[in-house]
Amino acid sequence: MHWVSKTANERFRVEFDLPEGINVQGSPGQMQQVVMNLVQNALDATAGEAQPLLRIHAQRRGETVEVTFQDNGPGIGPEALAHVFEPFFTTKPVGKGTGLGLAISYGIVERHGGELTAENVPKGGAVFRLRLPLARPGKIAPPIL
């Protein structure tokens, strides 16, 4: 996570609310790729903001963990919202994105038994929700954040 924010504009701020001891099952490398894609998208989405911000919050919900990535950018247009996880769909200018990051992330999360969704925040910005099963005893993977 820190590797993306280190390449960002120094104004880009990331706030964390991550309780300890929440572990998920699966490939740490693949989960880090998902997190990196979500952070990079937030960084890109907030580039025009005076005080770009990403809030990352995790909480346990029964036998799952939900991690939200909420930015203060302009949000996702209603016509784009239905397509954000489709391969090669991008709202970025030509040469700035391939349209594969969210599609790949969606597939990784599904293969891990989870769910990845996107929505707009009423006061502005977008929120991506990453839900994954908690690790079963003896199947604990290292934390992804």
N, C-alpha and C. Protein backbone atom coordinates (compact mmCIF):
# COMPACT_ATOMS: atom_id res chain seq x y z
N MET A 1 0.82 -1.18 0.00
CA MET A 1 0.00 0.00 0.00
C MET A 1 0.87 1.25 0.00
N HIS A 2 1.90 1.24 0.77
CA HIS A 2 2.75 2.42 0.88
C HIS A 2 3.50 2.71 -0.42
N TRP A 3 3.74 1.68 -1.23
CA TRP A 3 4.45 1.87 -2.48
C TRP A 3 3.66 2.72 -3.45
N VAL A 4 2.33 2.66 -3.44
CA VAL A 4 1.54 3.51 -4.31
C VAL A 4 1.54 4.94 -3.80
N SER A 5 1.28 5.12 -2.51
CA SER A 5 1.20 6.48 -1.98
C SER A 5 2.55 7.18 -2.01
N LYS A 6 3.66 6.46 -2.04
CA LYS A 6 4.98 7.09 -2.13
C LYS A 6 5.21 7.71 -3.50
N THR A 7 4.57 7.15 -4.53
CA THR A 7 4.72 7.72 -5.87
C THR A 7 3.70 8.82 -6.13
N ALA A 8 2.80 9.02 -5.21
CA ALA A 8 1.71 9.98 -5.38
C ALA A 8 2.17 11.40 -5.04
N ASN A 9 1.35 12.32 -5.45
CA ASN A 9 1.52 13.71 -5.06
C ASN A 9 1.53 13.76 -3.53
N GLU A 10 2.38 14.58 -2.97
CA GLU A 10 2.49 14.65 -1.50
C GLU A 10 1.20 15.09 -0.83
N ARG A 11 0.27 15.67 -1.59
CA ARG A 11 -1.01 16.07 -1.02
C ARG A 11 -1.94 14.88 -0.81
N PHE A 12 -1.73 13.79 -1.52
CA PHE A 12 -2.60 12.61 -1.41
C PHE A 12 -2.44 12.00 -0.02
N ARG A 13 -3.55 11.98 0.71
CA ARG A 13 -3.52 11.49 2.09
C ARG A 13 -4.33 10.20 2.17
N VAL A 14 -3.79 9.23 2.90
CA VAL A 14 -4.48 7.97 3.12
C VAL A 14 -4.69 7.80 4.62
N GLU A 15 -5.95 7.62 5.01
CA GLU A 15 -6.30 7.38 6.41
C GLU A 15 -6.68 5.91 6.56
N PHE A 16 -6.15 5.28 7.60
CA PHE A 16 -6.41 3.87 7.86
C PHE A 16 -7.21 3.68 9.13
N ASP A 17 -8.14 2.76 9.08
CA ASP A 17 -8.87 2.29 10.26
C ASP A 17 -8.93 0.77 10.12
N LEU A 18 -7.85 0.12 10.53
CA LEU A 18 -7.70 -1.31 10.31
C LEU A 18 -7.43 -2.02 11.64
N PRO A 19 -8.43 -2.71 12.16
CA PRO A 19 -8.19 -3.45 13.40
C PRO A 19 -7.21 -4.60 13.18
N GLU A 20 -6.46 -4.92 14.20
CA GLU A 20 -5.51 -6.03 14.10
C GLU A 20 -6.23 -7.36 14.19
N GLY A 21 -5.58 -8.40 13.67
CA GLY A 21 -6.09 -9.75 13.83
C GLY A 21 -7.16 -10.15 12.83
N ILE A 22 -7.34 -9.37 11.78
CA ILE A 22 -8.29 -9.78 10.73
C ILE A 22 -7.47 -10.38 9.59
N ASN A 23 -7.55 -11.68 9.46
CA ASN A 23 -6.82 -12.39 8.40
C ASN A 23 -7.80 -13.07 7.47
N VAL A 24 -7.44 -13.10 6.19
CA VAL A 24 -8.28 -13.76 5.20
C VAL A 24 -7.53 -14.94 4.60
N GLN A 25 -8.30 -15.81 3.95
CA GLN A 25 -7.72 -16.94 3.25
C GLN A 25 -7.25 -16.50 1.89
N GLY A 26 -6.23 -17.17 1.38
CA GLY A 26 -5.86 -16.94 -0.01
C GLY A 26 -4.45 -16.48 -0.22
N SER A 27 -4.22 -16.02 -1.42
CA SER A 27 -2.90 -15.61 -1.87
C SER A 27 -2.63 -14.16 -1.47
N PRO A 28 -1.65 -13.94 -0.60
CA PRO A 28 -1.32 -12.56 -0.22
C PRO A 28 -0.91 -11.71 -1.42
N GLY A 29 -0.16 -12.30 -2.35
CA GLY A 29 0.27 -11.55 -3.53
C GLY A 29 -0.89 -11.07 -4.38
N GLN A 30 -1.88 -11.94 -4.57
CA GLN A 30 -3.04 -11.56 -5.36
C GLN A 30 -3.89 -10.53 -4.64
N MET A 31 -4.02 -10.68 -3.33
CA MET A 31 -4.79 -9.70 -2.56
C MET A 31 -4.09 -8.35 -2.56
N GLN A 32 -2.77 -8.35 -2.51
CA GLN A 32 -2.04 -7.08 -2.58
C GLN A 32 -2.23 -6.42 -3.93
N GLN A 33 -2.35 -7.21 -4.99
CA GLN A 33 -2.62 -6.66 -6.31
C GLN A 33 -3.98 -5.96 -6.33
N VAL A 34 -4.98 -6.57 -5.71
CA VAL A 34 -6.31 -5.97 -5.63
C VAL A 34 -6.23 -4.64 -4.88
N VAL A 35 -5.59 -4.65 -3.73
CA VAL A 35 -5.47 -3.43 -2.92
C VAL A 35 -4.72 -2.35 -3.71
N MET A 36 -3.64 -2.73 -4.36
CA MET A 36 -2.86 -1.77 -5.14
C MET A 36 -3.73 -1.14 -6.24
N ASN A 37 -4.53 -1.95 -6.93
CA ASN A 37 -5.40 -1.41 -7.98
C ASN A 37 -6.42 -0.43 -7.40
N LEU A 38 -7.00 -0.75 -6.26
CA LEU A 38 -8.00 0.12 -5.65
C LEU A 38 -7.37 1.44 -5.18
N VAL A 39 -6.19 1.36 -4.61
CA VAL A 39 -5.50 2.58 -4.17
C VAL A 39 -5.09 3.43 -5.37
N GLN A 40 -4.57 2.79 -6.40
CA GLN A 40 -4.15 3.54 -7.60
C GLN A 40 -5.35 4.23 -8.25
N ASN A 41 -6.48 3.56 -8.31
CA ASN A 41 -7.68 4.17 -8.88
C ASN A 41 -8.13 5.37 -8.06
N ALA A 42 -8.06 5.26 -6.74
CA ALA A 42 -8.42 6.39 -5.87
C ALA A 42 -7.45 7.55 -6.08
N LEU A 43 -6.20 7.23 -6.21
CA LEU A 43 -5.18 8.26 -6.46
C LEU A 43 -5.49 9.00 -7.76
N ASP A 44 -5.80 8.25 -8.81
CA ASP A 44 -6.13 8.86 -10.10
C ASP A 44 -7.43 9.68 -10.02
N ALA A 45 -8.43 9.14 -9.32
CA ALA A 45 -9.74 9.80 -9.23
C ALA A 45 -9.68 11.11 -8.46
N THR A 46 -8.76 11.22 -7.53
CA THR A 46 -8.69 12.41 -6.68
C THR A 46 -7.64 13.42 -7.15
N ALA A 47 -7.04 13.16 -8.30
CA ALA A 47 -5.94 14.01 -8.78
C ALA A 47 -6.34 15.48 -8.89
N GLY A 48 -7.58 15.77 -9.21
CA GLY A 48 -8.02 17.16 -9.36
C GLY A 48 -8.52 17.81 -8.09
N GLU A 49 -8.47 17.09 -6.99
CA GLU A 49 -8.97 17.63 -5.72
C GLU A 49 -7.89 18.45 -5.01
N ALA A 50 -8.32 19.49 -4.31
CA ALA A 50 -7.37 20.32 -3.55
C ALA A 50 -6.72 19.53 -2.42
N GLN A 51 -7.49 18.66 -1.79
CA GLN A 51 -6.98 17.83 -0.69
C GLN A 51 -7.39 16.38 -0.95
N PRO A 52 -6.69 15.69 -1.87
CA PRO A 52 -7.06 14.33 -2.21
C PRO A 52 -6.94 13.39 -1.01
N LEU A 53 -7.98 12.56 -0.82
CA LEU A 53 -8.05 11.72 0.36
C LEU A 53 -8.61 10.35 0.02
N LEU A 54 -8.04 9.33 0.62
CA LEU A 54 -8.56 7.96 0.56
C LEU A 54 -8.66 7.45 1.98
N ARG A 55 -9.86 6.96 2.34
CA ARG A 55 -10.07 6.35 3.66
C ARG A 55 -10.21 4.84 3.46
N ILE A 56 -9.40 4.09 4.18
CA ILE A 56 -9.47 2.63 4.13
C ILE A 56 -9.91 2.15 5.51
N HIS A 57 -11.03 1.45 5.52
CA HIS A 57 -11.63 0.99 6.78
C HIS A 57 -11.94 -0.50 6.66
N ALA A 58 -11.60 -1.26 7.69
CA ALA A 58 -11.90 -2.69 7.70
C ALA A 58 -12.68 -3.04 8.95
N GLN A 59 -13.59 -3.99 8.78
CA GLN A 59 -14.32 -4.50 9.94
C GLN A 59 -14.76 -5.93 9.67
N ARG A 60 -14.89 -6.64 10.76
CA ARG A 60 -15.37 -8.01 10.67
C ARG A 60 -16.89 -7.98 10.61
N ARG A 61 -17.45 -8.80 9.71
CA ARG A 61 -18.90 -8.94 9.57
C ARG A 61 -19.19 -10.44 9.54
N GLY A 62 -19.50 -10.99 10.71
CA GLY A 62 -19.73 -12.44 10.79
C GLY A 62 -18.47 -13.20 10.43
N GLU A 63 -18.55 -14.03 9.41
CA GLU A 63 -17.41 -14.84 8.97
C GLU A 63 -16.66 -14.20 7.81
N THR A 64 -16.90 -12.91 7.60
CA THR A 64 -16.21 -12.20 6.53
C THR A 64 -15.56 -10.93 7.08
N VAL A 65 -14.71 -10.37 6.27
CA VAL A 65 -14.14 -9.06 6.55
C VAL A 65 -14.56 -8.15 5.40
N GLU A 66 -14.92 -6.92 5.73
CA GLU A 66 -15.26 -5.93 4.71
C GLU A 66 -14.26 -4.80 4.82
N VAL A 67 -13.62 -4.51 3.70
CA VAL A 67 -12.68 -3.41 3.63
C VAL A 67 -13.25 -2.40 2.64
N THR A 68 -13.41 -1.16 3.09
CA THR A 68 -13.92 -0.11 2.20
C THR A 68 -12.78 0.84 1.83
N PHE A 69 -12.81 1.26 0.58
CA PHE A 69 -11.85 2.21 0.03
C PHE A 69 -12.69 3.39 -0.46
N GLN A 70 -12.73 4.47 0.32
CA GLN A 70 -13.58 5.61 -0.01
C GLN A 70 -12.72 6.82 -0.33
N ASP A 71 -12.93 7.38 -1.53
CA ASP A 71 -12.15 8.56 -1.92
C ASP A 71 -13.05 9.79 -1.94
N ASN A 72 -12.43 10.95 -2.09
CA ASN A 72 -13.18 12.20 -2.15
C ASN A 72 -13.13 12.82 -3.54
N GLY A 73 -13.00 11.96 -4.55
CA GLY A 73 -13.01 12.43 -5.94
C GLY A 73 -14.42 12.75 -6.40
N PRO A 74 -14.60 12.87 -7.71
CA PRO A 74 -15.90 13.26 -8.25
C PRO A 74 -16.93 12.13 -8.27
N GLY A 75 -16.52 10.92 -7.96
CA GLY A 75 -17.44 9.78 -8.04
C GLY A 75 -17.39 9.17 -9.43
N ILE A 76 -18.21 8.16 -9.62
CA ILE A 76 -18.26 7.42 -10.88
C ILE A 76 -19.57 7.77 -11.56
N GLY A 77 -19.50 8.21 -12.79
CA GLY A 77 -20.71 8.57 -13.52
C GLY A 77 -21.68 7.39 -13.58
N PRO A 78 -22.98 7.68 -13.55
CA PRO A 78 -23.98 6.60 -13.52
C PRO A 78 -23.86 5.63 -14.70
N GLU A 79 -23.51 6.15 -15.87
CA GLU A 79 -23.35 5.27 -17.03
C GLU A 79 -22.12 4.38 -16.90
N ALA A 80 -21.10 4.85 -16.21
CA ALA A 80 -19.87 4.08 -16.04
C ALA A 80 -19.98 3.08 -14.89
N LEU A 81 -20.77 3.39 -13.90
CA LEU A 81 -20.85 2.56 -12.69
C LEU A 81 -21.22 1.11 -13.01
N ALA A 82 -22.08 0.91 -13.98
CA ALA A 82 -22.52 -0.44 -14.34
C ALA A 82 -21.43 -1.22 -15.08
N HIS A 83 -20.37 -0.55 -15.50
CA HIS A 83 -19.35 -1.20 -16.35
C HIS A 83 -17.95 -1.24 -15.74
N VAL A 84 -17.77 -0.72 -14.53
CA VAL A 84 -16.41 -0.54 -14.00
C VAL A 84 -15.61 -1.84 -13.88
N PHE A 85 -16.27 -2.98 -13.77
CA PHE A 85 -15.54 -4.24 -13.61
C PHE A 85 -15.40 -5.01 -14.93
N GLU A 86 -15.85 -4.43 -16.04
CA GLU A 86 -15.74 -5.08 -17.34
C GLU A 86 -14.33 -4.89 -17.89
N PRO A 87 -13.77 -5.95 -18.50
CA PRO A 87 -12.44 -5.82 -19.11
C PRO A 87 -12.40 -4.72 -20.17
N PHE A 88 -11.36 -3.95 -20.15
CA PHE A 88 -11.05 -2.88 -21.10
C PHE A 88 -11.94 -1.64 -20.96
N PHE A 89 -12.80 -1.61 -19.95
CA PHE A 89 -13.60 -0.40 -19.72
C PHE A 89 -12.78 0.53 -18.85
N THR A 90 -12.66 1.77 -19.27
CA THR A 90 -11.95 2.77 -18.48
C THR A 90 -12.58 4.14 -18.69
N THR A 91 -12.49 4.95 -17.67
CA THR A 91 -12.93 6.34 -17.78
C THR A 91 -11.72 7.27 -17.90
N LYS A 92 -10.54 6.67 -17.91
CA LYS A 92 -9.31 7.46 -17.99
C LYS A 92 -9.02 7.84 -19.45
N PRO A 93 -8.27 8.92 -19.65
CA PRO A 93 -7.93 9.32 -21.02
C PRO A 93 -7.07 8.25 -21.70
N VAL A 94 -7.06 8.28 -23.02
CA VAL A 94 -6.25 7.35 -23.80
C VAL A 94 -4.80 7.41 -23.33
N GLY A 95 -4.20 6.26 -23.12
CA GLY A 95 -2.82 6.18 -22.68
C GLY A 95 -2.64 6.22 -21.17
N LYS A 96 -3.72 6.43 -20.41
CA LYS A 96 -3.63 6.52 -18.96
C LYS A 96 -4.14 5.29 -18.23
N GLY A 97 -4.80 4.39 -18.93
CA GLY A 97 -5.33 3.21 -18.27
C GLY A 97 -5.71 2.17 -19.29
N THR A 98 -5.60 0.91 -18.92
CA THR A 98 -5.92 -0.18 -19.85
C THR A 98 -7.34 -0.69 -19.67
N GLY A 99 -7.95 -0.36 -18.53
CA GLY A 99 -9.28 -0.91 -18.26
C GLY A 99 -9.22 -2.34 -17.76
N LEU A 100 -8.06 -2.75 -17.26
CA LEU A 100 -7.92 -4.13 -16.78
C LEU A 100 -7.80 -4.24 -15.27
N GLY A 101 -7.39 -3.19 -14.60
CA GLY A 101 -7.13 -3.28 -13.15
C GLY A 101 -8.33 -3.75 -12.35
N LEU A 102 -9.48 -3.13 -12.55
CA LEU A 102 -10.66 -3.52 -11.78
C LEU A 102 -11.22 -4.86 -12.24
N ALA A 103 -11.13 -5.16 -13.54
CA ALA A 103 -11.61 -6.45 -14.04
C ALA A 103 -10.78 -7.59 -13.45
N ILE A 104 -9.48 -7.42 -13.42
CA ILE A 104 -8.59 -8.43 -12.84
C ILE A 104 -8.86 -8.55 -11.34
N SER A 105 -9.00 -7.42 -10.67
CA SER A 105 -9.27 -7.43 -9.23
C SER A 105 -10.58 -8.16 -8.93
N TYR A 106 -11.60 -7.89 -9.71
CA TYR A 106 -12.90 -8.53 -9.53
C TYR A 106 -12.76 -10.06 -9.63
N GLY A 107 -12.04 -10.52 -10.63
CA GLY A 107 -11.82 -11.95 -10.81
C GLY A 107 -11.05 -12.57 -9.66
N ILE A 108 -10.02 -11.90 -9.20
CA ILE A 108 -9.23 -12.40 -8.07
C ILE A 108 -10.11 -12.55 -6.83
N VAL A 109 -10.89 -11.52 -6.55
CA VAL A 109 -11.75 -11.53 -5.37
C VAL A 109 -12.78 -12.66 -5.47
N GLU A 110 -13.38 -12.82 -6.64
CA GLU A 110 -14.35 -13.91 -6.84
C GLU A 110 -13.71 -15.27 -6.60
N ARG A 111 -12.50 -15.48 -7.14
CA ARG A 111 -11.80 -16.77 -6.96
C ARG A 111 -11.45 -17.03 -5.50
N HIS A 112 -11.39 -15.98 -4.70
CA HIS A 112 -11.11 -16.12 -3.28
C HIS A 112 -12.40 -16.22 -2.46
N GLY A 113 -13.52 -16.36 -3.14
CA GLY A 113 -14.80 -16.52 -2.44
C GLY A 113 -15.37 -15.23 -1.91
N GLY A 114 -14.92 -14.11 -2.47
CA GLY A 114 -15.36 -12.81 -1.98
C GLY A 114 -16.18 -12.04 -2.99
N GLU A 115 -16.31 -10.76 -2.72
CA GLU A 115 -17.14 -9.89 -3.55
C GLU A 115 -16.49 -8.50 -3.57
N LEU A 116 -16.53 -7.87 -4.74
CA LEU A 116 -16.02 -6.51 -4.90
C LEU A 116 -17.12 -5.69 -5.56
N THR A 117 -17.51 -4.60 -4.92
CA THR A 117 -18.57 -3.75 -5.45
C THR A 117 -18.11 -2.29 -5.46
N ALA A 118 -18.83 -1.49 -6.24
CA ALA A 118 -18.53 -0.06 -6.33
C ALA A 118 -19.83 0.73 -6.24
N GLU A 119 -19.75 1.87 -5.62
CA GLU A 119 -20.91 2.77 -5.55
C GLU A 119 -20.41 4.19 -5.31
N ASN A 120 -21.32 5.13 -5.44
CA ASN A 120 -20.98 6.52 -5.16
C ASN A 120 -21.41 6.88 -3.75
N VAL A 121 -20.70 7.82 -3.17
CA VAL A 121 -21.02 8.33 -1.84
C VAL A 121 -21.93 9.54 -2.04
N PRO A 122 -23.02 9.63 -1.27
CA PRO A 122 -23.96 10.74 -1.48
C PRO A 122 -23.31 12.13 -1.46
N LYS A 123 -22.31 12.35 -0.63
CA LYS A 123 -21.67 13.67 -0.53
C LYS A 123 -20.52 13.83 -1.52
N GLY A 124 -20.33 12.86 -2.41
CA GLY A 124 -19.26 12.92 -3.40
C GLY A 124 -18.21 11.87 -3.15
N GLY A 125 -17.59 11.43 -4.23
CA GLY A 125 -16.57 10.40 -4.14
C GLY A 125 -17.15 9.02 -4.43
N ALA A 126 -16.27 8.06 -4.46
CA ALA A 126 -16.66 6.68 -4.72
C ALA A 126 -16.20 5.81 -3.56
N VAL A 127 -16.86 4.67 -3.40
CA VAL A 127 -16.45 3.69 -2.40
C VAL A 127 -16.46 2.32 -3.05
N PHE A 128 -15.36 1.61 -2.88
CA PHE A 128 -15.25 0.22 -3.31
C PHE A 128 -15.29 -0.63 -2.05
N ARG A 129 -16.12 -1.67 -2.07
CA ARG A 129 -16.24 -2.58 -0.93
C ARG A 129 -15.67 -3.94 -1.31
N LEU A 130 -14.70 -4.36 -0.53
CA LEU A 130 -14.04 -5.64 -0.72
C LEU A 130 -14.47 -6.55 0.43
N ARG A 131 -15.17 -7.63 0.12
CA ARG A 131 -15.60 -8.58 1.15
C ARG A 131 -14.92 -9.91 0.88
N LEU A 132 -14.29 -10.46 1.93
CA LEU A 132 -13.57 -11.73 1.82
C LEU A 132 -13.86 -12.60 3.02
N PRO A 133 -13.84 -13.92 2.83
CA PRO A 133 -14.02 -14.82 3.97
C PRO A 133 -12.83 -14.72 4.93
N LEU A 134 -13.13 -14.77 6.20
CA LEU A 134 -12.06 -14.84 7.20
C LEU A 134 -11.32 -16.16 7.08
N ALA A 135 -10.07 -16.15 7.46
CA ALA A 135 -9.28 -17.37 7.42
C ALA A 135 -9.81 -18.38 8.43
N ARG A 136 -9.82 -19.63 8.02
CA ARG A 136 -10.19 -20.71 8.94
C ARG A 136 -8.94 -21.09 9.74
N PRO A 137 -9.12 -21.64 10.93
CA PRO A 137 -7.94 -22.04 11.71
C PRO A 137 -7.05 -22.96 10.88
N GLY A 138 -5.76 -22.67 10.92
CA GLY A 138 -4.80 -23.46 10.17
C GLY A 138 -4.65 -23.02 8.73
N LYS A 139 -5.47 -22.08 8.26
CA LYS A 139 -5.42 -21.61 6.86
C LYS A 139 -5.14 -20.11 6.80
N ILE A 140 -4.54 -19.59 7.84
CA ILE A 140 -4.35 -18.14 7.94
C ILE A 140 -3.28 -17.66 6.96
N ALA A 141 -3.64 -16.65 6.21
CA ALA A 141 -2.69 -15.98 5.32
C ALA A 141 -2.27 -14.68 6.02
N PRO A 142 -1.11 -14.15 5.69
CA PRO A 142 -0.69 -12.89 6.28
C PRO A 142 -1.68 -11.79 5.96
N PRO A 143 -1.75 -10.75 6.78
CA PRO A 143 -2.64 -9.61 6.50
C PRO A 143 -2.34 -9.01 5.12
N ILE A 144 -3.37 -8.50 4.45
CA ILE A 144 -3.17 -7.96 3.11
C ILE A 144 -2.88 -6.46 3.12
N LEU A 145 -3.08 -5.79 4.23
CA LEU A 145 -2.81 -4.34 4.29
C LEU A 145 -1.76 -4.05 5.33
